[in-house]
Amino acid sequence: MRDLLESKGFQRFIIAVILINAATLGLETFPDILREYGTALHVIDHVALYIFVAELLAKVLVYRRDFLKDPWNVFDSVIIAIALLPTTGGLSVLRSLRILRALRLLSVVPSLRRVVAALLRAMPGMSSIVLLLGLVLYIAAVMATKLYGATAPDYFGSLQTSLFTLFQTMTGEAWPDIAREVMSVYPSAWIFFVVFILLCSFVILNLFMAVVVSAHEAETRSELAEFEESTEAATDRILAELAALRQELRQLQETSR
């Protein structure tokens, strides 16, 4: 059973089931398709869930206590537990959470596991950047509220409104319209917007990317190091077995003489 669970063919089968299940859940959002093929879609959904439960039980049976040592197994267990919750009565909203089963691709596809591991590794560095971004947003919001609150109250009338407007500006959404309204009274306001966008969009967000890329490279290097260690250990075992065989051959030759 362990060989079956860890085989590439079985992994491809699970990936196919996840993709098919995600597709059926998406098709259920179309009323016409649901009305005509609703029964078939529900059957496929239940069959996929039974397959996931059977796979999870098989892993528990095979790995036993080591099952919970793998965080991906815990992740799969949470996803399956959410799918098994009742979806009637007051819990009918949980039907929408069935699509979370598509997240199982994260635990099945190795490349996706590496990306998630890199993101988790980057969290400590990203927290400092988030604090820096929050500080810049807060300072800019206070300045914009005091400078442009009377001119554009819809955008900078209060601190919380300014924070939302500047967050929108940071994403590049409709910021020229906001800037033009302010510049109609303060022509030099473009300096504020340009400096803010340069700081947030081009400096701080690029720092996010740099931290994530660095963490991904570190994760790749650690995997390569583990692979090299396992390869060296296997090579050492093979060499030791060859040495033992040679020793036995010498003893046999000496005995025959």
Protein backbone atom coordinates (compact mmCIF):
# COMPACT_ATOMS: atom_id res chain seq x y z
CA MET A 1 0.00 0.00 0.00
CA ARG A 2 2.91 2.34 0.71
CA ASP A 3 4.32 1.68 -2.75
CA LEU A 4 0.91 2.40 -4.26
CA LEU A 5 0.47 5.67 -2.37
CA GLU A 6 3.94 6.89 -3.30
CA SER A 7 3.82 5.78 -6.94
CA LYS A 8 3.72 8.41 -9.69
CA GLY A 9 0.72 6.76 -11.31
CA PHE A 10 -1.37 7.10 -8.16
CA GLN A 11 -0.30 10.70 -7.72
CA ARG A 12 -1.37 11.46 -11.29
CA PHE A 13 -4.71 9.77 -10.58
CA ILE A 14 -5.28 11.95 -7.50
CA ILE A 15 -4.35 15.08 -9.47
CA ALA A 16 -6.86 14.10 -12.16
CA VAL A 17 -9.58 13.56 -9.54
CA ILE A 18 -8.85 16.97 -7.99
CA LEU A 19 -9.03 18.71 -11.36
CA ILE A 20 -12.24 16.92 -12.34
CA ASN A 21 -13.81 17.74 -8.97
CA ALA A 22 -12.82 21.39 -9.28
CA ALA A 23 -14.33 21.50 -12.77
CA THR A 24 -17.63 19.99 -11.60
CA LEU A 25 -17.86 22.46 -8.72
CA GLY A 26 -17.33 25.26 -11.21
CA LEU A 27 -20.02 23.90 -13.53
CA GLU A 28 -22.47 23.91 -10.63
CA THR A 29 -22.35 27.71 -10.67
CA PHE A 30 -24.15 27.75 -14.06
CA PRO A 31 -27.92 27.43 -13.43
CA ASP A 32 -28.68 25.90 -16.85
CA ILE A 33 -25.99 23.24 -16.51
CA LEU A 34 -26.98 22.53 -12.91
CA ARG A 35 -30.62 22.13 -13.87
CA GLU A 36 -29.82 19.66 -16.67
CA TYR A 37 -26.83 17.77 -15.28
CA GLY A 38 -27.14 18.45 -11.56
CA THR A 39 -27.52 14.81 -10.58
CA ALA A 40 -24.44 13.72 -12.51
CA LEU A 41 -22.39 16.59 -11.08
CA HIS A 42 -23.42 15.70 -7.52
CA VAL A 43 -22.52 12.03 -8.12
CA ILE A 44 -19.07 12.98 -9.42
CA ASP A 45 -18.61 15.29 -6.43
CA HIS A 46 -19.47 12.52 -3.96
CA VAL A 47 -17.27 9.96 -5.73
CA ALA A 48 -14.32 12.37 -5.62
CA LEU A 49 -14.92 12.95 -1.90
CA TYR A 50 -15.01 9.20 -1.23
CA ILE A 51 -11.72 8.78 -3.11
CA PHE A 52 -10.10 11.52 -1.02
CA VAL A 53 -11.36 9.96 2.21
CA ALA A 54 -10.11 6.52 1.15
CA GLU A 55 -6.70 7.97 0.29
CA LEU A 56 -6.51 9.73 3.64
CA LEU A 57 -7.45 6.57 5.56
CA ALA A 58 -4.88 4.58 3.60
CA LYS A 59 -2.19 7.10 4.56
CA VAL A 60 -3.20 6.87 8.22
CA LEU A 61 -3.01 3.07 8.01
CA VAL A 62 0.40 3.10 6.31
CA TYR A 63 2.20 5.91 8.12
CA ARG A 64 0.45 5.57 11.51
CA ARG A 65 2.13 7.94 14.01
CA ASP A 66 4.27 9.51 11.30
CA PHE A 67 1.12 10.67 9.53
CA LEU A 68 0.77 13.85 11.61
CA LYS A 69 4.49 14.62 11.36
CA ASP A 70 3.98 15.67 7.74
CA PRO A 71 2.27 19.09 7.67
CA TRP A 72 0.85 18.36 4.21
CA ASN A 73 -1.07 15.41 5.65
CA VAL A 74 -2.53 17.71 8.29
CA PHE A 75 -3.44 20.19 5.55
CA ASP A 76 -5.22 17.47 3.57
CA SER A 77 -7.05 16.31 6.69
CA VAL A 78 -8.40 19.81 7.36
CA ILE A 79 -9.57 20.17 3.74
CA ILE A 80 -11.33 16.79 3.82
CA ALA A 81 -12.86 17.54 7.24
CA ILE A 82 -14.35 20.76 5.88
CA ALA A 83 -15.77 18.83 2.91
CA LEU A 84 -17.42 16.31 5.27
CA LEU A 85 -19.25 18.96 7.31
CA PRO A 86 -23.05 19.03 6.84
CA THR A 87 -24.30 21.53 4.27
CA THR A 88 -27.92 21.77 5.30
CA GLY A 89 -29.81 24.13 7.57
CA GLY A 90 -27.72 26.84 9.12
CA LEU A 91 -24.52 25.35 7.72
CA SER A 92 -25.60 25.58 4.08
CA VAL A 93 -22.99 28.29 3.56
CA LEU A 94 -20.35 25.57 3.90
CA ARG A 95 -21.32 24.26 0.46
CA SER A 96 -19.23 27.03 -1.03
CA LEU A 97 -16.20 25.73 0.87
CA ARG A 98 -16.19 22.50 -1.13
CA ILE A 99 -14.04 24.24 -3.73
CA LEU A 100 -11.26 24.24 -1.12
CA ARG A 101 -10.62 20.66 -2.22
CA ALA A 102 -8.84 22.16 -5.23
CA LEU A 103 -6.18 23.35 -2.77
CA ARG A 104 -5.12 19.73 -2.43
CA LEU A 105 -3.07 20.33 -5.56
CA LEU A 106 -0.68 22.19 -3.26
CA SER A 107 0.11 18.98 -1.39
CA VAL A 108 0.16 16.69 -4.44
CA VAL A 109 2.21 18.67 -6.96
CA PRO A 110 5.88 18.95 -5.82
CA SER A 111 6.52 22.26 -7.60
CA LEU A 112 3.56 23.85 -5.81
CA ARG A 113 4.80 22.47 -2.49
CA ARG A 114 8.14 24.18 -3.08
CA VAL A 115 6.43 27.50 -3.82
CA VAL A 116 4.33 27.32 -0.65
CA ALA A 117 7.36 26.29 1.41
CA ALA A 118 9.27 29.26 -0.02
CA LEU A 119 6.44 31.62 0.92
CA LEU A 120 6.37 30.27 4.47
CA ARG A 121 10.13 30.60 4.69
CA ALA A 122 9.86 34.22 3.51
CA MET A 123 7.30 35.19 6.17
CA PRO A 124 9.82 36.54 8.74
CA GLY A 125 11.42 38.82 6.15
CA MET A 126 8.06 39.85 4.72
CA SER A 127 6.77 40.92 8.13
CA SER A 128 9.41 43.66 8.33
CA ILE A 129 8.49 44.86 4.85
CA VAL A 130 4.80 44.88 5.79
CA LEU A 131 5.62 47.08 8.79
CA LEU A 132 7.60 49.41 6.52
CA LEU A 133 4.72 49.57 4.05
CA GLY A 134 2.21 50.26 6.84
CA LEU A 135 4.43 53.03 8.19
CA VAL A 136 4.71 54.69 4.77
CA LEU A 137 0.93 54.39 4.24
CA TYR A 138 0.17 55.89 7.63
CA ILE A 139 2.54 58.84 7.20
CA ALA A 140 1.26 59.53 3.69
CA ALA A 141 -2.38 59.26 4.86
CA VAL A 142 -1.86 61.79 7.66
CA MET A 143 -0.13 64.18 5.27
CA ALA A 144 -2.82 63.79 2.58
CA THR A 145 -5.64 64.32 5.09
CA LYS A 146 -4.12 67.56 6.34
CA LEU A 147 -3.11 68.84 2.89
CA TYR A 148 -5.98 67.75 0.65
CA GLY A 149 -8.86 66.90 3.01
CA ALA A 150 -10.74 70.12 2.30
CA THR A 151 -10.09 69.93 -1.45
CA ALA A 152 -11.12 66.29 -2.01
CA PRO A 153 -13.15 65.16 1.00
CA ASP A 154 -14.39 62.06 -0.84
CA TYR A 155 -10.80 60.83 -1.09
CA PHE A 156 -8.97 62.47 1.82
CA GLY A 157 -11.72 63.70 4.15
CA SER A 158 -10.63 61.47 7.06
CA LEU A 159 -7.70 59.29 8.01
CA GLN A 160 -9.42 56.00 7.18
CA THR A 161 -10.63 57.41 3.83
CA SER A 162 -7.11 58.56 3.02
CA LEU A 163 -5.71 55.15 3.91
CA PHE A 164 -8.11 53.44 1.52
CA THR A 165 -7.47 56.02 -1.24
CA LEU A 166 -3.70 55.66 -0.93
CA PHE A 167 -3.98 51.87 -0.94
CA GLN A 168 -5.98 52.19 -4.15
CA THR A 169 -3.32 54.55 -5.51
CA MET A 170 -0.61 52.06 -4.59
CA THR A 171 -2.29 49.41 -6.73
CA GLY A 172 -2.41 51.82 -9.69
CA GLU A 173 -6.22 51.88 -9.84
CA ALA A 174 -7.68 55.23 -11.06
CA TRP A 175 -5.00 57.27 -9.33
CA PRO A 176 -4.72 59.82 -12.21
CA ASP A 177 -8.36 60.84 -11.65
CA ILE A 178 -7.70 61.33 -7.94
CA ALA A 179 -4.52 63.28 -8.65
CA ARG A 180 -6.19 65.56 -11.22
CA GLU A 181 -8.98 66.48 -8.80
CA VAL A 182 -6.41 67.52 -6.21
CA MET A 183 -4.14 69.21 -8.76
CA SER A 184 -7.00 71.40 -9.91
CA VAL A 185 -6.47 73.30 -6.63
CA TYR A 186 -2.86 72.33 -5.80
CA PRO A 187 -0.89 72.03 -9.07
CA SER A 188 2.20 70.75 -7.23
CA ALA A 189 0.28 67.79 -5.71
CA TRP A 190 1.71 65.53 -8.44
CA ILE A 191 4.96 65.47 -6.47
CA PHE A 192 3.20 63.81 -3.53
CA PHE A 193 1.55 61.16 -5.70
CA VAL A 194 4.64 60.39 -7.75
CA VAL A 195 6.87 60.02 -4.69
CA PHE A 196 4.27 57.84 -2.94
CA ILE A 197 3.84 55.55 -5.95
CA LEU A 198 7.60 55.25 -6.44
CA LEU A 199 8.10 54.30 -2.80
CA CYS A 200 5.23 51.81 -2.54
CA SER A 201 4.86 50.29 -5.99
CA PHE A 202 8.45 50.21 -7.16
CA VAL A 203 10.55 49.97 -4.01
CA ILE A 204 8.59 48.21 -1.27
CA LEU A 205 6.70 45.78 -3.53
CA ASN A 206 9.96 44.86 -5.26
CA LEU A 207 11.39 44.12 -1.83
CA PHE A 208 8.54 41.63 -1.37
CA MET A 209 9.53 39.93 -4.62
CA ALA A 210 13.19 39.87 -3.64
CA VAL A 211 12.44 38.22 -0.28
CA VAL A 212 10.22 35.57 -1.89
CA VAL A 213 12.75 34.79 -4.63
CA SER A 214 15.54 34.53 -2.05
CA ALA A 215 13.43 32.17 0.07
CA HIS A 216 12.61 30.06 -3.01
CA GLU A 217 16.30 29.76 -3.85
CA ALA A 218 17.07 28.75 -0.26
CA GLU A 219 14.31 26.11 -0.38
CA THR A 220 15.69 24.74 -3.65
CA ARG A 221 19.21 24.60 -2.23
CA SER A 222 18.01 22.75 0.87
CA GLU A 223 16.18 20.18 -1.29
CA LEU A 224 19.30 19.70 -3.41
CA ALA A 225 21.40 19.26 -0.28
CA GLU A 226 18.98 16.63 1.07
CA PHE A 227 19.03 14.83 -2.28
CA GLU A 228 22.84 14.86 -2.35
CA GLU A 229 22.97 13.53 1.22
CA SER A 230 20.57 10.71 0.40
CA THR A 231 22.54 9.92 -2.76
CA GLU A 232 25.81 9.85 -0.84
CA ALA A 233 24.29 7.63 1.84
CA ALA A 234 23.01 5.21 -0.81
CA THR A 235 26.41 5.21 -2.51
CA ASP A 236 28.14 4.49 0.80
CA ARG A 237 25.77 1.57 1.46
CA ILE A 238 26.45 0.13 -1.99
CA LEU A 239 30.22 0.46 -1.54
CA ALA A 240 30.02 -1.18 1.88
CA GLU A 241 28.03 -4.07 0.44
CA LEU A 242 30.55 -4.47 -2.39
CA ALA A 243 33.40 -4.50 0.11
CA ALA A 244 31.59 -7.14 2.16
CA LEU A 245 31.04 -9.27 -0.97
CA ARG A 246 34.69 -9.01 -1.90
CA GLN A 247 35.66 -10.08 1.60
CA GLU A 248 33.34 -13.09 1.38
CA LEU A 249 34.79 -14.02 -2.02
CA ARG A 250 38.31 -13.90 -0.60
CA GLN A 251 37.26 -16.11 2.30
CA LEU A 252 35.63 -18.59 -0.09
CA GLN A 253 38.75 -18.67 -2.27
CA GLU A 254 40.97 -19.25 0.75
CA THR A 255 38.66 -22.03 1.99
CA SER A 256 38.65 -23.76 -1.40
CA ARG A 257 42.44 -23.77 -1.45
